[in-house]
Amino acid sequence: MKTYIITTPFNVVLPRKTVKDKKAPISMNFYGNVNSFTNNEIKRIFKEIVRPQVEGLTINTPVEITYQVFKPSHRKLDKMNVIAVTSKYLLDAITELGCWEDDNDDHIKTETLLPTQYSKNDGKVMVTIKEI
């Protein structure tokens, strides 16, 4: 039984041709307020960021997943807004990259949220996947 630790971004940068690049937070607040084209662009960039950490892995399911948010400032944060989108994007990326069969309830048995930590100017989500 193996354990995998994956670091996911707190936000991604959307490249723009004629205006300044746009910083897009990985959060339900942003996810719910942009069009599907932009959501797909964010998901694609997110997948490319995590690809080097997961590509080529064979993760035997079922698994338990633990999330810990490291927020980049002292501002109040609803961690579920971050984890909901992080989970969606990451589990879809792992599935699309062929690291496991699927991310449904038959394969993902539990998802646990740890307390949020402060990490000055280094927002991220640490995801631990443990084979059971």
Foldseek 3Di string as FASTA:
>chain_A
DDKAKFKFAQWDWADDDPDDIDIGGQFQVRVVPDDPVVVVSRLVVRLVVRCVRQQPAAADFQKEKEKEKADQDPDDDDVCRNVVSVVVSVQVSNCVSPNYPHDDCRRHPYYHYDYYHYDHRGTIMMMMIGHD
